[in-house]
All heavy atoms as atom14 arrays in JSON, in Angstrom:
{
  "sequence": "MTEIVTGIVIAATRREALQRVGSALRARGLEPLDVTLS",
  "atom14_mask": [
    [1, 1, 1, 1, 1, 1, 1, 1, 0, 0, 0, 0, 0, 0],
    [1, 1, 1, 1, 1, 1, 1, 0, 0, 0, 0, 0, 0, 0],
    [1, 1, 1, 1, 1, 1, 1, 1, 1, 0, 0, 0, 0, 0],
    [1, 1, 1, 1, 1, 1, 1, 1, 0, 0, 0, 0, 0, 0],
    [1, 1, 1, 1, 1, 1, 1, 0, 0, 0, 0, 0, 0, 0],
    [1, 1, 1, 1, 1, 1, 1, 0, 0, 0, 0, 0, 0, 0],
    [1, 1, 1, 1, 0, 0, 0, 0, 0, 0, 0, 0, 0, 0],
    [1, 1, 1, 1, 1, 1, 1, 1, 0, 0, 0, 0, 0, 0],
    [1, 1, 1, 1, 1, 1, 1, 0, 0, 0, 0, 0, 0, 0],
    [1, 1, 1, 1, 1, 1, 1, 1, 0, 0, 0, 0, 0, 0],
    [1, 1, 1, 1, 1, 0, 0, 0, 0, 0, 0, 0, 0, 0],
    [1, 1, 1, 1, 1, 0, 0, 0, 0, 0, 0, 0, 0, 0],
    [1, 1, 1, 1, 1, 1, 1, 0, 0, 0, 0, 0, 0, 0],
    [1, 1, 1, 1, 1, 1, 1, 1, 1, 1, 1, 0, 0, 0],
    [1, 1, 1, 1, 1, 1, 1, 1, 1, 1, 1, 0, 0, 0],
    [1, 1, 1, 1, 1, 1, 1, 1, 1, 0, 0, 0, 0, 0],
    [1, 1, 1, 1, 1, 0, 0, 0, 0, 0, 0, 0, 0, 0],
    [1, 1, 1, 1, 1, 1, 1, 1, 0, 0, 0, 0, 0, 0],
    [1, 1, 1, 1, 1, 1, 1, 1, 1, 0, 0, 0, 0, 0],
    [1, 1, 1, 1, 1, 1, 1, 1, 1, 1, 1, 0, 0, 0],
    [1, 1, 1, 1, 1, 1, 1, 0, 0, 0, 0, 0, 0, 0],
    [1, 1, 1, 1, 0, 0, 0, 0, 0, 0, 0, 0, 0, 0],
    [1, 1, 1, 1, 1, 1, 0, 0, 0, 0, 0, 0, 0, 0],
    [1, 1, 1, 1, 1, 0, 0, 0, 0, 0, 0, 0, 0, 0],
    [1, 1, 1, 1, 1, 1, 1, 1, 0, 0, 0, 0, 0, 0],
    [1, 1, 1, 1, 1, 1, 1, 1, 1, 1, 1, 0, 0, 0],
    [1, 1, 1, 1, 1, 0, 0, 0, 0, 0, 0, 0, 0, 0],
    [1, 1, 1, 1, 1, 1, 1, 1, 1, 1, 1, 0, 0, 0],
    [1, 1, 1, 1, 0, 0, 0, 0, 0, 0, 0, 0, 0, 0],
    [1, 1, 1, 1, 1, 1, 1, 1, 0, 0, 0, 0, 0, 0],
    [1, 1, 1, 1, 1, 1, 1, 1, 1, 0, 0, 0, 0, 0],
    [1, 1, 1, 1, 1, 1, 1, 0, 0, 0, 0, 0, 0, 0],
    [1, 1, 1, 1, 1, 1, 1, 1, 0, 0, 0, 0, 0, 0],
    [1, 1, 1, 1, 1, 1, 1, 1, 0, 0, 0, 0, 0, 0],
    [1, 1, 1, 1, 1, 1, 1, 0, 0, 0, 0, 0, 0, 0],
    [1, 1, 1, 1, 1, 1, 1, 0, 0, 0, 0, 0, 0, 0],
    [1, 1, 1, 1, 1, 1, 1, 1, 0, 0, 0, 0, 0, 0],
    [1, 1, 1, 1, 1, 1, 0, 0, 0, 0, 0, 0, 0, 0]
  ],
  "atom14_positions": [
    [[119.51, 159.86, 239.77], [120.13, 160.68, 238.68], [118.87, 161.08, 237.72], [118.26, 160.12, 237.23], [121.12, 159.99, 237.94], [121.84, 160.76, 236.86], [123.22, 159.92, 236.08], [123.48, 160.75, 234.68], [0.0, 0.0, 0.0], [0.0, 0.0, 0.0], [0.0, 0.0, 0.0], [0.0, 0.0, 0.0], [0.0, 0.0, 0.0], [0.0, 0.0, 0.0]],
    [[118.79, 162.27, 237.41], [117.7, 162.71, 236.52], [118.22, 163.73, 235.55], [119.4, 164.18, 235.8], [116.53, 163.55, 237.28], [117.02, 164.67, 237.86], [115.97, 162.56, 238.29], [0.0, 0.0, 0.0], [0.0, 0.0, 0.0], [0.0, 0.0, 0.0], [0.0, 0.0, 0.0], [0.0, 0.0, 0.0], [0.0, 0.0, 0.0], [0.0, 0.0, 0.0]],
    [[117.6, 163.8, 234.39], [118.08, 164.81, 233.42], [116.83, 165.3, 232.68], [115.71, 164.8, 232.75], [119.01, 164.22, 232.42], [118.54, 163.22, 231.46], [119.52, 162.7, 230.49], [119.96, 163.61, 229.59], [120.0, 161.56, 230.66], [0.0, 0.0, 0.0], [0.0, 0.0, 0.0], [0.0, 0.0, 0.0], [0.0, 0.0, 0.0], [0.0, 0.0, 0.0]],
    [[116.95, 166.33, 231.8], [115.87, 166.94, 231.11], [116.11, 166.49, 229.65], [117.16, 166.72, 229.07], [115.78, 168.57, 231.13], [115.64, 168.98, 232.58], [114.76, 168.97, 230.21], [114.37, 168.51, 233.25], [0.0, 0.0, 0.0], [0.0, 0.0, 0.0], [0.0, 0.0, 0.0], [0.0, 0.0, 0.0], [0.0, 0.0, 0.0], [0.0, 0.0, 0.0]],
    [[115.04, 165.98, 228.97], [115.08, 165.49, 227.57], [114.03, 166.37, 226.84], [112.96, 166.61, 227.37], [114.84, 164.02, 227.44], [114.81, 163.53, 226.12], [115.76, 163.2, 228.32], [0.0, 0.0, 0.0], [0.0, 0.0, 0.0], [0.0, 0.0, 0.0], [0.0, 0.0, 0.0], [0.0, 0.0, 0.0], [0.0, 0.0, 0.0], [0.0, 0.0, 0.0]],
    [[114.41, 166.69, 225.72], [113.42, 167.61, 224.82], [113.4, 166.87, 223.49], [114.26, 166.24, 223.03], [113.78, 169.0, 224.8], [115.14, 169.17, 223.99], [113.8, 169.67, 226.11], [0.0, 0.0, 0.0], [0.0, 0.0, 0.0], [0.0, 0.0, 0.0], [0.0, 0.0, 0.0], [0.0, 0.0, 0.0], [0.0, 0.0, 0.0], [0.0, 0.0, 0.0]],
    [[112.27, 167.19, 222.72], [112.06, 166.66, 221.43], [110.79, 167.03, 220.83], [109.96, 167.84, 221.35], [0.0, 0.0, 0.0], [0.0, 0.0, 0.0], [0.0, 0.0, 0.0], [0.0, 0.0, 0.0], [0.0, 0.0, 0.0], [0.0, 0.0, 0.0], [0.0, 0.0, 0.0], [0.0, 0.0, 0.0], [0.0, 0.0, 0.0], [0.0, 0.0, 0.0]],
    [[110.44, 166.36, 219.8], [109.22, 166.55, 218.94], [108.59, 165.2, 218.77], [109.27, 164.26, 218.37], [109.5, 167.32, 217.6], [110.13, 168.63, 217.87], [108.2, 167.38, 216.9], [110.46, 169.37, 216.62], [0.0, 0.0, 0.0], [0.0, 0.0, 0.0], [0.0, 0.0, 0.0], [0.0, 0.0, 0.0], [0.0, 0.0, 0.0], [0.0, 0.0, 0.0]],
    [[107.36, 165.2, 218.91], [106.58, 163.91, 218.6], [105.41, 164.27, 217.72], [104.84, 165.41, 217.83], [106.1, 163.23, 220.02], [105.14, 164.18, 220.78], [105.47, 161.98, 219.65], [0.0, 0.0, 0.0], [0.0, 0.0, 0.0], [0.0, 0.0, 0.0], [0.0, 0.0, 0.0], [0.0, 0.0, 0.0], [0.0, 0.0, 0.0], [0.0, 0.0, 0.0]],
    [[105.05, 163.32, 216.79], [103.98, 163.51, 215.83], [102.86, 162.57, 216.45], [103.11, 161.43, 216.69], [104.32, 163.04, 214.53], [105.48, 163.84, 213.97], [103.1, 163.29, 213.47], [105.39, 165.38, 213.81], [0.0, 0.0, 0.0], [0.0, 0.0, 0.0], [0.0, 0.0, 0.0], [0.0, 0.0, 0.0], [0.0, 0.0, 0.0], [0.0, 0.0, 0.0]],
    [[101.61, 163.05, 216.71], [100.49, 162.42, 217.11], [99.19, 163.1, 216.76], [99.18, 164.27, 216.41], [100.58, 162.19, 218.61], [0.0, 0.0, 0.0], [0.0, 0.0, 0.0], [0.0, 0.0, 0.0], [0.0, 0.0, 0.0], [0.0, 0.0, 0.0], [0.0, 0.0, 0.0], [0.0, 0.0, 0.0], [0.0, 0.0, 0.0], [0.0, 0.0, 0.0]],
    [[98.1, 162.31, 216.82], [96.82, 162.85, 216.52], [96.17, 163.7, 217.63], [95.47, 164.66, 217.49], [95.87, 161.84, 216.16], [0.0, 0.0, 0.0], [0.0, 0.0, 0.0], [0.0, 0.0, 0.0], [0.0, 0.0, 0.0], [0.0, 0.0, 0.0], [0.0, 0.0, 0.0], [0.0, 0.0, 0.0], [0.0, 0.0, 0.0], [0.0, 0.0, 0.0]],
    [[96.55, 163.31, 218.9], [96.03, 163.95, 220.17], [97.12, 164.08, 221.12], [98.21, 163.38, 221.14], [94.86, 163.09, 220.79], [95.53, 161.8, 221.23], [93.69, 162.7, 219.81], [0.0, 0.0, 0.0], [0.0, 0.0, 0.0], [0.0, 0.0, 0.0], [0.0, 0.0, 0.0], [0.0, 0.0, 0.0], [0.0, 0.0, 0.0], [0.0, 0.0, 0.0]],
    [[96.87, 164.98, 222.18], [97.75, 165.19, 223.28], [97.99, 163.85, 224.08], [99.12, 163.48, 224.3], [97.39, 166.26, 224.1], [97.29, 167.64, 223.6], [96.85, 168.69, 224.45], [97.76, 169.0, 225.43], [98.84, 169.86, 225.25], [98.97, 170.52, 224.06], [99.72, 170.12, 226.24], [0.0, 0.0, 0.0], [0.0, 0.0, 0.0], [0.0, 0.0, 0.0]],
    [[96.92, 163.11, 224.2], [96.98, 161.91, 224.96], [97.89, 160.91, 224.18], [98.74, 160.29, 224.8], [95.64, 161.31, 225.2], [95.57, 160.05, 225.9], [94.19, 159.5, 226.16], [94.25, 158.38, 227.04], [93.13, 157.99, 227.63], [92.06, 158.57, 227.41], [93.3, 156.86, 228.48], [0.0, 0.0, 0.0], [0.0, 0.0, 0.0], [0.0, 0.0, 0.0]],
    [[97.82, 160.8, 222.94], [98.62, 159.84, 222.2], [100.13, 160.4, 222.11], [101.0, 159.55, 222.27], [98.08, 159.8, 220.72], [98.91, 158.9, 219.87], [98.47, 158.91, 218.36], [97.53, 159.66, 218.05], [99.2, 158.31, 217.52], [0.0, 0.0, 0.0], [0.0, 0.0, 0.0], [0.0, 0.0, 0.0], [0.0, 0.0, 0.0], [0.0, 0.0, 0.0]],
    [[100.25, 161.68, 222.11], [101.63, 162.16, 222.24], [102.2, 161.73, 223.45], [103.53, 161.37, 223.58], [101.58, 163.71, 221.92], [0.0, 0.0, 0.0], [0.0, 0.0, 0.0], [0.0, 0.0, 0.0], [0.0, 0.0, 0.0], [0.0, 0.0, 0.0], [0.0, 0.0, 0.0], [0.0, 0.0, 0.0], [0.0, 0.0, 0.0], [0.0, 0.0, 0.0]],
    [[101.55, 161.98, 224.62], [102.1, 161.52, 225.87], [102.42, 160.08, 225.99], [103.48, 159.8, 226.52], [101.05, 161.95, 227.07], [101.1, 163.33, 227.32], [99.86, 163.57, 228.36], [102.3, 163.91, 228.01], [0.0, 0.0, 0.0], [0.0, 0.0, 0.0], [0.0, 0.0, 0.0], [0.0, 0.0, 0.0], [0.0, 0.0, 0.0], [0.0, 0.0, 0.0]],
    [[101.53, 159.27, 225.44], [101.83, 157.84, 225.36], [103.16, 157.48, 224.57], [103.87, 156.72, 224.89], [100.67, 156.99, 224.84], [99.5, 157.15, 225.78], [98.18, 156.68, 225.24], [98.07, 156.49, 223.97], [97.16, 156.2, 226.0], [0.0, 0.0, 0.0], [0.0, 0.0, 0.0], [0.0, 0.0, 0.0], [0.0, 0.0, 0.0], [0.0, 0.0, 0.0]],
    [[103.13, 158.05, 223.48], [104.39, 158.0, 222.58], [105.75, 158.36, 223.24], [106.7, 157.63, 223.07], [104.23, 158.63, 221.21], [103.18, 157.96, 220.32], [103.1, 158.62, 218.91], [102.1, 157.87, 218.13], [102.07, 157.94, 216.87], [103.01, 158.58, 216.18], [101.1, 157.32, 216.18], [0.0, 0.0, 0.0], [0.0, 0.0, 0.0], [0.0, 0.0, 0.0]],
    [[105.63, 159.54, 223.84], [106.81, 159.97, 224.49], [107.25, 159.01, 225.55], [108.47, 158.68, 225.76], [106.67, 161.43, 225.07], [107.83, 161.93, 225.93], [106.49, 162.5, 223.88], [0.0, 0.0, 0.0], [0.0, 0.0, 0.0], [0.0, 0.0, 0.0], [0.0, 0.0, 0.0], [0.0, 0.0, 0.0], [0.0, 0.0, 0.0], [0.0, 0.0, 0.0]],
    [[106.36, 158.66, 226.44], [106.53, 157.75, 227.53], [107.15, 156.32, 227.1], [108.11, 155.89, 227.65], [0.0, 0.0, 0.0], [0.0, 0.0, 0.0], [0.0, 0.0, 0.0], [0.0, 0.0, 0.0], [0.0, 0.0, 0.0], [0.0, 0.0, 0.0], [0.0, 0.0, 0.0], [0.0, 0.0, 0.0], [0.0, 0.0, 0.0], [0.0, 0.0, 0.0]],
    [[106.58, 155.86, 226.13], [107.03, 154.57, 225.42], [108.39, 154.68, 224.86], [109.27, 153.82, 225.12], [106.0, 154.1, 224.36], [104.87, 153.82, 224.86], [0.0, 0.0, 0.0], [0.0, 0.0, 0.0], [0.0, 0.0, 0.0], [0.0, 0.0, 0.0], [0.0, 0.0, 0.0], [0.0, 0.0, 0.0], [0.0, 0.0, 0.0], [0.0, 0.0, 0.0]],
    [[108.69, 155.78, 224.17], [110.07, 155.94, 223.61], [111.02, 156.18, 224.7], [112.21, 155.54, 224.54], [109.99, 157.17, 222.68], [0.0, 0.0, 0.0], [0.0, 0.0, 0.0], [0.0, 0.0, 0.0], [0.0, 0.0, 0.0], [0.0, 0.0, 0.0], [0.0, 0.0, 0.0], [0.0, 0.0, 0.0], [0.0, 0.0, 0.0], [0.0, 0.0, 0.0]],
    [[110.73, 156.84, 225.71], [111.75, 157.12, 226.81], [111.96, 155.85, 227.53], [113.21, 155.55, 227.86], [111.26, 158.12, 227.74], [111.19, 159.55, 227.21], [110.38, 160.55, 228.18], [112.57, 160.2, 226.83], [0.0, 0.0, 0.0], [0.0, 0.0, 0.0], [0.0, 0.0, 0.0], [0.0, 0.0, 0.0], [0.0, 0.0, 0.0], [0.0, 0.0, 0.0]],
    [[110.91, 155.11, 227.91], [111.15, 153.75, 228.65], [112.03, 152.82, 227.79], [112.75, 152.04, 228.26], [109.8, 153.21, 228.93], [109.21, 153.88, 230.12], [107.91, 153.18, 230.59], [107.17, 154.12, 231.44], [106.21, 154.9, 230.98], [105.81, 154.93, 229.67], [105.54, 155.78, 231.79], [0.0, 0.0, 0.0], [0.0, 0.0, 0.0], [0.0, 0.0, 0.0]],
    [[111.74, 152.85, 226.42], [112.5, 151.98, 225.51], [114.16, 152.26, 225.5], [114.89, 151.42, 225.35], [111.99, 152.1, 224.04], [0.0, 0.0, 0.0], [0.0, 0.0, 0.0], [0.0, 0.0, 0.0], [0.0, 0.0, 0.0], [0.0, 0.0, 0.0], [0.0, 0.0, 0.0], [0.0, 0.0, 0.0], [0.0, 0.0, 0.0], [0.0, 0.0, 0.0]],
    [[114.33, 153.45, 226.0], [115.85, 153.97, 226.11], [116.31, 153.8, 227.54], [117.32, 154.34, 228.01], [115.97, 155.47, 225.65], [115.73, 155.48, 224.18], [116.24, 156.82, 223.66], [115.32, 157.9, 224.1], [115.67, 159.2, 224.06], [116.69, 159.58, 223.6], [114.8, 160.11, 224.56], [0.0, 0.0, 0.0], [0.0, 0.0, 0.0], [0.0, 0.0, 0.0]],
    [[115.48, 153.2, 228.45], [115.98, 152.98, 229.82], [115.75, 154.2, 230.68], [116.36, 154.33, 231.69], [0.0, 0.0, 0.0], [0.0, 0.0, 0.0], [0.0, 0.0, 0.0], [0.0, 0.0, 0.0], [0.0, 0.0, 0.0], [0.0, 0.0, 0.0], [0.0, 0.0, 0.0], [0.0, 0.0, 0.0], [0.0, 0.0, 0.0], [0.0, 0.0, 0.0]],
    [[114.72, 155.07, 230.33], [114.56, 156.28, 231.03], [113.12, 156.27, 231.55], [112.16, 155.88, 230.72], [114.8, 157.48, 230.19], [116.2, 157.7, 229.51], [116.08, 158.86, 228.44], [117.15, 157.88, 230.53], [0.0, 0.0, 0.0], [0.0, 0.0, 0.0], [0.0, 0.0, 0.0], [0.0, 0.0, 0.0], [0.0, 0.0, 0.0], [0.0, 0.0, 0.0]],
    [[112.91, 156.61, 232.72], [111.55, 156.65, 233.3], [111.13, 158.09, 233.45], [111.63, 158.92, 234.11], [111.46, 156.0, 234.68], [110.24, 155.92, 235.41], [109.19, 155.04, 234.52], [109.69, 154.02, 233.84], [108.01, 155.45, 234.52], [0.0, 0.0, 0.0], [0.0, 0.0, 0.0], [0.0, 0.0, 0.0], [0.0, 0.0, 0.0], [0.0, 0.0, 0.0]],
    [[110.06, 158.48, 232.63], [109.51, 159.84, 232.54], [108.93, 160.16, 234.09], [108.13, 159.5, 234.55], [108.54, 159.88, 231.71], [108.14, 158.56, 231.2], [109.17, 157.62, 231.73], [0.0, 0.0, 0.0], [0.0, 0.0, 0.0], [0.0, 0.0, 0.0], [0.0, 0.0, 0.0], [0.0, 0.0, 0.0], [0.0, 0.0, 0.0], [0.0, 0.0, 0.0]],
    [[109.33, 161.22, 234.59], [108.87, 161.77, 235.9], [107.76, 162.89, 235.67], [106.91, 163.0, 236.44], [110.02, 162.26, 236.78], [111.07, 161.18, 237.06], [112.22, 161.97, 237.83], [110.53, 160.13, 237.88], [0.0, 0.0, 0.0], [0.0, 0.0, 0.0], [0.0, 0.0, 0.0], [0.0, 0.0, 0.0], [0.0, 0.0, 0.0], [0.0, 0.0, 0.0]],
    [[108.18, 163.78, 234.69], [107.21, 164.83, 234.41], [107.42, 165.18, 232.92], [108.55, 165.31, 232.41], [107.51, 166.06, 235.2], [106.65, 167.1, 234.94], [105.5, 167.0, 235.02], [107.17, 168.38, 234.9], [0.0, 0.0, 0.0], [0.0, 0.0, 0.0], [0.0, 0.0, 0.0], [0.0, 0.0, 0.0], [0.0, 0.0, 0.0], [0.0, 0.0, 0.0]],
    [[106.21, 165.24, 232.2], [106.35, 165.5, 230.63], [105.36, 166.69, 230.48], [104.31, 166.72, 230.91], [105.85, 164.36, 229.88], [105.9, 164.6, 228.36], [106.71, 163.05, 230.16], [0.0, 0.0, 0.0], [0.0, 0.0, 0.0], [0.0, 0.0, 0.0], [0.0, 0.0, 0.0], [0.0, 0.0, 0.0], [0.0, 0.0, 0.0], [0.0, 0.0, 0.0]],
    [[105.94, 167.82, 229.79], [105.21, 168.87, 229.34], [105.07, 168.82, 227.92], [106.14, 168.76, 227.19], [105.87, 170.13, 229.86], [106.03, 170.08, 231.35], [105.02, 171.34, 229.56], [0.0, 0.0, 0.0], [0.0, 0.0, 0.0], [0.0, 0.0, 0.0], [0.0, 0.0, 0.0], [0.0, 0.0, 0.0], [0.0, 0.0, 0.0], [0.0, 0.0, 0.0]],
    [[103.96, 169.05, 227.34], [103.74, 169.18, 225.78], [103.26, 170.6, 225.41], [102.45, 171.28, 226.23], [102.62, 168.25, 225.49], [102.82, 166.76, 225.44], [101.59, 166.01, 224.99], [104.02, 166.36, 224.47], [0.0, 0.0, 0.0], [0.0, 0.0, 0.0], [0.0, 0.0, 0.0], [0.0, 0.0, 0.0], [0.0, 0.0, 0.0], [0.0, 0.0, 0.0]],
    [[103.63, 171.01, 224.24], [103.06, 172.24, 223.68], [103.03, 172.01, 222.3], [103.85, 171.29, 221.65], [103.89, 173.48, 224.01], [105.21, 173.22, 223.54], [0.0, 0.0, 0.0], [0.0, 0.0, 0.0], [0.0, 0.0, 0.0], [0.0, 0.0, 0.0], [0.0, 0.0, 0.0], [0.0, 0.0, 0.0], [0.0, 0.0, 0.0], [0.0, 0.0, 0.0]]
  ]
}
């Protein structure tokens, strides 16, 4: 079972943003398969 999740993250760099998104999703029991940032 997969789904699309969207949101906003505050970070100093794109790398930090990806790390924060991944950590937050895993904390909710979700495993990120593909993350796109803009």
